[in-house]
């Protein structure tokens, strides 16, 4: 029948248009960082009469969620004293420099799309977590901090079913738009 072609063509063109927008709008790095865990350990004194030692630890994850590599990814820290240690995982190369304010800067040459780096910190009082990490940036953009809330994940099969229904709804909406557009054209042509 002659009426079946326009809705299918409009649905197909809408799908292609959406894929192209998605592909080219995300073709850049997207640097994010977040704290994954924190802990505080009270170490009893080695000898009587000494004060207990408070040791703090936390991890941050720096990741590139975009579709292009990020270059010169820098993790900035506030000015720190000698009671401060860190470990970078995976074991990648980085350069440690001192900022003009006296803080440490860890510079990673490149962060590939989908790649992440975890930095674990160990420090003593008077440092606290908000006195350690300053911000993260790259040559392309400043990293965005993310607040983490742990939630139960939906099963993958359910996500695919929901995505399928959303896709069907998009096709139906495009078809309704096309039918409405053709109806308006017919009315306008009939009045003319």
C-alpha atoms as a PDB file:
ATOM      1  CA  UNK A   1       0.000   0.000   0.000  1.00  0.00           C
ATOM      2  CA  UNK A   2       1.168   3.525  -0.723  1.00  0.00           C
ATOM      3  CA  UNK A   3       0.641   4.827   2.848  1.00  0.00           C
ATOM      4  CA  UNK A   4       3.240   2.608   4.578  1.00  0.00           C
ATOM      5  CA  UNK A   5       6.405   4.245   3.213  1.00  0.00           C
ATOM      6  CA  UNK A   6       6.412   7.708   4.877  1.00  0.00           C
ATOM      7  CA  UNK A   7       6.120   6.460   8.513  1.00  0.00           C
ATOM      8  CA  UNK A   8       8.897   3.918   8.021  1.00  0.00           C
ATOM      9  CA  UNK A   9      11.117   6.436   6.255  1.00  0.00           C
ATOM     10  CA  UNK A  10      10.546   9.067   8.945  1.00  0.00           C
ATOM     11  CA  UNK A  11      11.257   6.544  11.710  1.00  0.00           C
ATOM     12  CA  UNK A  12      14.449   5.422   9.985  1.00  0.00           C
ATOM     13  CA  UNK A  13      15.612   9.011   9.415  1.00  0.00           C
ATOM     14  CA  UNK A  14      14.840   9.884  13.056  1.00  0.00           C
ATOM     15  CA  UNK A  15      16.911   6.930  14.220  1.00  0.00           C
ATOM     16  CA  UNK A  16      19.864   7.878  11.975  1.00  0.00           C
ATOM     17  CA  UNK A  17      19.636  11.528  13.094  1.00  0.00           C
ATOM     18  CA  UNK A  18      19.669  10.472  16.764  1.00  0.00           C
ATOM     19  CA  UNK A  19      22.688   8.205  16.258  1.00  0.00           C
ATOM     20  CA  UNK A  20      24.614  10.986  14.501  1.00  0.00           C
ATOM     21  CA  UNK A  21      23.833  13.529  17.228  1.00  0.00           C
ATOM     22  CA  UNK A  22      24.886  11.058  19.899  1.00  0.00           C
ATOM     23  CA  UNK A  23      28.076  10.115  18.103  1.00  0.00           C
ATOM     24  CA  UNK A  24      29.324  13.628  17.350  1.00  0.00           C
ATOM     25  CA  UNK A  25      28.143  15.431  20.465  1.00  0.00           C
ATOM     26  CA  UNK A  26      30.071  13.011  22.712  1.00  0.00           C
ATOM     27  CA  UNK A  27      33.253  12.893  20.611  1.00  0.00           C
ATOM     28  CA  UNK A  28      35.222  14.693  23.299  1.00  0.00           C
ATOM     29  CA  UNK A  29      36.703  13.743  26.662  1.00  0.00           C
ATOM     30  CA  UNK A  30      34.504  13.865  29.731  1.00  0.00           C
ATOM     31  CA  UNK A  31      36.648  13.880  32.879  1.00  0.00           C
ATOM     32  CA  UNK A  32      34.874  13.070  36.132  1.00  0.00           C
ATOM     33  CA  UNK A  33      36.158  12.217  39.582  1.00  0.00           C
ATOM     34  CA  UNK A  34      34.612  10.900  42.759  1.00  0.00           C
ATOM     35  CA  UNK A  35      35.502   9.573  46.200  1.00  0.00           C
ATOM     36  CA  UNK A  36      34.904   5.831  46.530  1.00  0.00           C
ATOM     37  CA  UNK A  37      35.746   5.138  50.155  1.00  0.00           C
ATOM     38  CA  UNK A  38      36.949   6.798  53.332  1.00  0.00           C
ATOM     39  CA  UNK A  39      38.219   5.360  56.600  1.00  0.00           C
ATOM     40  CA  UNK A  40      39.641   6.476  59.934  1.00  0.00           C
ATOM     41  CA  UNK A  41      41.908   4.266  62.056  1.00  0.00           C
ATOM     42  CA  UNK A  42      42.789   5.006  65.680  1.00  0.00           C
ATOM     43  CA  UNK A  43      46.174   3.412  66.390  1.00  0.00           C
ATOM     44  CA  UNK A  44      46.783   2.846  70.105  1.00  0.00           C
ATOM     45  CA  UNK A  45      49.998   4.313  71.541  1.00  0.00           C
ATOM     46  CA  UNK A  46      53.123   2.171  71.408  1.00  0.00           C
ATOM     47  CA  UNK A  47      54.093   3.166  74.941  1.00  0.00           C
ATOM     48  CA  UNK A  48      51.968   4.292  77.887  1.00  0.00           C
ATOM     49  CA  UNK A  49      51.602   8.050  78.188  1.00  0.00           C
ATOM     50  CA  UNK A  50      51.689   8.700  74.427  1.00  0.00           C
ATOM     51  CA  UNK A  51      48.642   9.849  72.478  1.00  0.00           C
ATOM     52  CA  UNK A  52      46.905   7.582  70.013  1.00  0.00           C
ATOM     53  CA  UNK A  53      47.515   8.227  66.322  1.00  0.00           C
ATOM     54  CA  UNK A  54      44.650   8.943  63.933  1.00  0.00           C
ATOM     55  CA  UNK A  55      45.278   7.693  60.406  1.00  0.00           C
ATOM     56  CA  UNK A  56      42.887   8.584  57.609  1.00  0.00           C
ATOM     57  CA  UNK A  57      42.509   7.114  54.144  1.00  0.00           C
ATOM     58  CA  UNK A  58      40.360   7.693  51.094  1.00  0.00           C
ATOM     59  CA  UNK A  59      40.335   6.855  47.381  1.00  0.00           C
ATOM     60  CA  UNK A  60      39.396   8.976  44.411  1.00  0.00           C
ATOM     61  CA  UNK A  61      38.686   7.663  40.941  1.00  0.00           C
ATOM     62  CA  UNK A  62      39.441   9.852  37.926  1.00  0.00           C
ATOM     63  CA  UNK A  63      37.821   8.608  34.748  1.00  0.00           C
ATOM     64  CA  UNK A  64      37.272   9.616  31.161  1.00  0.00           C
ATOM     65  CA  UNK A  65      33.665   8.894  30.239  1.00  0.00           C
ATOM     66  CA  UNK A  66      33.910  10.604  26.853  1.00  0.00           C
ATOM     67  CA  UNK A  67      34.732   9.240  23.418  1.00  0.00           C
ATOM     68  CA  UNK A  68      38.105  10.954  22.954  1.00  0.00           C
ATOM     69  CA  UNK A  69      41.383  10.801  24.856  1.00  0.00           C
ATOM     70  CA  UNK A  70      42.083  13.439  27.488  1.00  0.00           C
ATOM     71  CA  UNK A  71      45.621  14.817  27.490  1.00  0.00           C
ATOM     72  CA  UNK A  72      47.636  16.140  30.434  1.00  0.00           C
ATOM     73  CA  UNK A  73      45.133  15.111  33.084  1.00  0.00           C
ATOM     74  CA  UNK A  74      46.141  16.926  36.279  1.00  0.00           C
ATOM     75  CA  UNK A  75      45.024  16.094  39.815  1.00  0.00           C
ATOM     76  CA  UNK A  76      45.596  19.144  42.026  1.00  0.00           C
ATOM     77  CA  UNK A  77      46.149  18.917  45.795  1.00  0.00           C
ATOM     78  CA  UNK A  78      46.265  21.543  48.502  1.00  0.00           C
ATOM     79  CA  UNK A  79      49.513  22.246  50.377  1.00  0.00           C
ATOM     80  CA  UNK A  80      50.414  19.088  52.284  1.00  0.00           C
ATOM     81  CA  UNK A  81      52.907  18.272  55.008  1.00  0.00           C
ATOM     82  CA  UNK A  82      55.215  15.264  55.275  1.00  0.00           C
ATOM     83  CA  UNK A  83      52.600  12.935  56.841  1.00  0.00           C
ATOM     84  CA  UNK A  84      50.916  12.257  53.515  1.00  0.00           C
ATOM     85  CA  UNK A  85      51.254   9.291  51.138  1.00  0.00           C
ATOM     86  CA  UNK A  86      49.467   8.175  48.005  1.00  0.00           C
ATOM     87  CA  UNK A  87      49.415   5.231  45.591  1.00  0.00           C
ATOM     88  CA  UNK A  88      48.229   5.325  41.964  1.00  0.00           C
ATOM     89  CA  UNK A  89      46.498   2.263  40.486  1.00  0.00           C
ATOM     90  CA  UNK A  90      46.855   0.910  37.873  1.00  0.00           C
ATOM     91  CA  UNK A  91      50.567   1.489  37.928  1.00  0.00           C
ATOM     92  CA  UNK A  92      50.788   4.160  35.208  1.00  0.00           C
ATOM     93  CA  UNK A  93      53.412   6.800  34.622  1.00  0.00           C
ATOM     94  CA  UNK A  94      52.795  10.287  35.967  1.00  0.00           C
ATOM     95  CA  UNK A  95      54.765  13.403  36.779  1.00  0.00           C
ATOM     96  CA  UNK A  96      54.657  14.981  40.242  1.00  0.00           C
ATOM     97  CA  UNK A  97      55.179  18.734  40.408  1.00  0.00           C
ATOM     98  CA  UNK A  98      54.675  21.445  43.021  1.00  0.00           C
ATOM     99  CA  UNK A  99      52.159  24.224  42.321  1.00  0.00           C
ATOM    100  CA  UNK A 100      52.869  27.894  43.003  1.00  0.00           C
ATOM    101  CA  UNK A 101      50.772  27.609  46.204  1.00  0.00           C
ATOM    102  CA  UNK A 102      52.859  24.663  47.413  1.00  0.00           C
ATOM    103  CA  UNK A 103      50.382  21.875  46.586  1.00  0.00           C
ATOM    104  CA  UNK A 104      51.204  18.725  44.653  1.00  0.00           C
ATOM    105  CA  UNK A 105      50.072  18.189  41.079  1.00  0.00           C
ATOM    106  CA  UNK A 106      49.958  14.687  39.588  1.00  0.00           C
ATOM    107  CA  UNK A 107      50.007  14.877  35.781  1.00  0.00           C
ATOM    108  CA  UNK A 108      49.016  11.890  33.649  1.00  0.00           C
ATOM    109  CA  UNK A 109      49.973  12.184  29.964  1.00  0.00           C
ATOM    110  CA  UNK A 110      46.780  10.637  28.571  1.00  0.00           C
ATOM    111  CA  UNK A 111      43.533   9.121  29.775  1.00  0.00           C
ATOM    112  CA  UNK A 112      41.884   6.996  27.086  1.00  0.00           C
ATOM    113  CA  UNK A 113      38.098   6.826  26.605  1.00  0.00           C
ATOM    114  CA  UNK A 114      36.602   4.612  29.314  1.00  0.00           C
ATOM    115  CA  UNK A 115      39.866   4.496  31.266  1.00  0.00           C
ATOM    116  CA  UNK A 116      40.002   5.259  34.967  1.00  0.00           C
ATOM    117  CA  UNK A 117      42.742   5.813  37.529  1.00  0.00           C
ATOM    118  CA  UNK A 118      42.370   5.249  41.277  1.00  0.00           C
ATOM    119  CA  UNK A 119      44.476   7.260  43.716  1.00  0.00           C
ATOM    120  CA  UNK A 120      44.593   5.997  47.306  1.00  0.00           C
ATOM    121  CA  UNK A 121      45.621   8.429  50.050  1.00  0.00           C
ATOM    122  CA  UNK A 122      46.977   7.789  53.548  1.00  0.00           C
ATOM    123  CA  UNK A 123      47.483  10.723  55.904  1.00  0.00           C
ATOM    124  CA  UNK A 124      47.440  11.814  59.514  1.00  0.00           C
ATOM    125  CA  UNK A 125      45.809  14.637  61.397  1.00  0.00           C
ATOM    126  CA  UNK A 126      45.605  17.666  60.792  1.00  0.00           C
ATOM    127  CA  UNK A 127      44.771  16.647  57.216  1.00  0.00           C
ATOM    128  CA  UNK A 128      41.165  15.835  56.486  1.00  0.00           C
ATOM    129  CA  UNK A 129      39.618  14.681  53.225  1.00  0.00           C
ATOM    130  CA  UNK A 130      38.492  18.196  52.284  1.00  0.00           C
ATOM    131  CA  UNK A 131      42.073  19.444  52.779  1.00  0.00           C
ATOM    132  CA  UNK A 132      43.604  16.979  50.293  1.00  0.00           C
ATOM    133  CA  UNK A 133      42.006  17.091  46.839  1.00  0.00           C
ATOM    134  CA  UNK A 134      41.563  20.416  45.128  1.00  0.00           C
ATOM    135  CA  UNK A 135      40.294  19.707  41.594  1.00  0.00           C
ATOM    136  CA  UNK A 136      41.015  17.761  38.390  1.00  0.00           C
ATOM    137  CA  UNK A 137      41.550  19.181  34.901  1.00  0.00           C
ATOM    138  CA  UNK A 138      42.916  18.312  31.476  1.00  0.00           C
ATOM    139  CA  UNK A 139      43.960  20.289  28.407  1.00  0.00           C
ATOM    140  CA  UNK A 140      40.406  19.988  27.102  1.00  0.00           C
ATOM    141  CA  UNK A 141      38.257  20.750  30.160  1.00  0.00           C
ATOM    142  CA  UNK A 142      37.952  20.917  33.927  1.00  0.00           C
ATOM    143  CA  UNK A 143      36.863  17.647  35.552  1.00  0.00           C
ATOM    144  CA  UNK A 144      33.434  17.403  37.151  1.00  0.00           C
ATOM    145  CA  UNK A 145      33.105  16.052  40.694  1.00  0.00           C
ATOM    146  CA  UNK A 146      30.396  13.429  41.131  1.00  0.00           C
ATOM    147  CA  UNK A 147      28.569  12.629  44.355  1.00  0.00           C
ATOM    148  CA  UNK A 148      28.160   8.889  44.704  1.00  0.00           C
ATOM    149  CA  UNK A 149      24.958   7.328  46.013  1.00  0.00           C
ATOM    150  CA  UNK A 150      24.861   3.563  46.167  1.00  0.00           C
ATOM    151  CA  UNK A 151      21.676   2.161  44.650  1.00  0.00           C
ATOM    152  CA  UNK A 152      20.575  -1.270  43.561  1.00  0.00           C
ATOM    153  CA  UNK A 153      21.249  -1.857  39.878  1.00  0.00           C
ATOM    154  CA  UNK A 154      18.465  -3.027  37.611  1.00  0.00           C
ATOM    155  CA  UNK A 155      19.175  -6.246  35.700  1.00  0.00           C
ATOM    156  CA  UNK A 156      20.689  -5.827  32.251  1.00  0.00           C
ATOM    157  CA  UNK A 157      17.830  -7.673  30.551  1.00  0.00           C
ATOM    158  CA  UNK A 158      15.301  -5.265  32.103  1.00  0.00           C
ATOM    159  CA  UNK A 159      17.310  -2.254  30.922  1.00  0.00           C
ATOM    160  CA  UNK A 160      17.306  -3.647  27.364  1.00  0.00           C
ATOM    161  CA  UNK A 161      13.541  -4.214  27.480  1.00  0.00           C
ATOM    162  CA  UNK A 162      12.963  -0.653  28.719  1.00  0.00           C
ATOM    163  CA  UNK A 163      15.285   0.696  26.016  1.00  0.00           C
ATOM    164  CA  UNK A 164      13.361  -1.295  23.397  1.00  0.00           C
ATOM    165  CA  UNK A 165      10.046   0.169  24.593  1.00  0.00           C
ATOM    166  CA  UNK A 166      11.531   3.662  24.519  1.00  0.00           C
ATOM    167  CA  UNK A 167      12.699   3.060  20.952  1.00  0.00           C
ATOM    168  CA  UNK A 168       9.244   1.800  19.929  1.00  0.00           C
ATOM    169  CA  UNK A 169       7.704   4.881  21.541  1.00  0.00           C
ATOM    170  CA  UNK A 170      10.058   7.105  19.571  1.00  0.00           C
ATOM    171  CA  UNK A 171       9.071   5.387  16.325  1.00  0.00           C
ATOM    172  CA  UNK A 172       5.383   5.728  17.189  1.00  0.00           C
ATOM    173  CA  UNK A 173       5.802   9.422  18.050  1.00  0.00           C
ATOM    174  CA  UNK A 174       7.621  10.042  14.752  1.00  0.00           C
ATOM    175  CA  UNK A 175       4.860   8.238  12.870  1.00  0.00           C
ATOM    176  CA  UNK A 176       2.163  10.299  14.637  1.00  0.00           C
ATOM    177  CA  UNK A 177       4.044  13.464  13.778  1.00  0.00           C
ATOM    178  CA  UNK A 178       4.273  12.413  10.117  1.00  0.00           C
ATOM    179  CA  UNK A 179       0.586  11.480   9.915  1.00  0.00           C
ATOM    180  CA  UNK A 180      -0.381  14.785  11.547  1.00  0.00           C
ATOM    181  CA  UNK A 181       1.875  16.706   9.195  1.00  0.00           C
ATOM    182  CA  UNK A 182       0.333  14.954   6.152  1.00  0.00           C
ATOM    183  CA  UNK A 183      -3.158  15.629   7.513  1.00  0.00           C
ATOM    184  CA  UNK A 184      -2.401  19.358   7.852  1.00  0.00           C
ATOM    185  CA  UNK A 185      -1.026  19.421   4.284  1.00  0.00           C
ATOM    186  CA  UNK A 186      -4.182  17.692   2.952  1.00  0.00           C
ATOM    187  CA  UNK A 187      -6.434  20.186   4.767  1.00  0.00           C
ATOM    188  CA  UNK A 188      -4.386  23.113   3.471  1.00  0.00           C
ATOM    189  CA  UNK A 189      -4.498  21.720  -0.079  1.00  0.00           C
ATOM    190  CA  UNK A 190      -8.257  21.123   0.129  1.00  0.00           C
ATOM    191  CA  UNK A 191      -8.898  24.742   1.193  1.00  0.00           C
ATOM    192  CA  UNK A 192      -6.752  26.121  -1.604  1.00  0.00           C
END
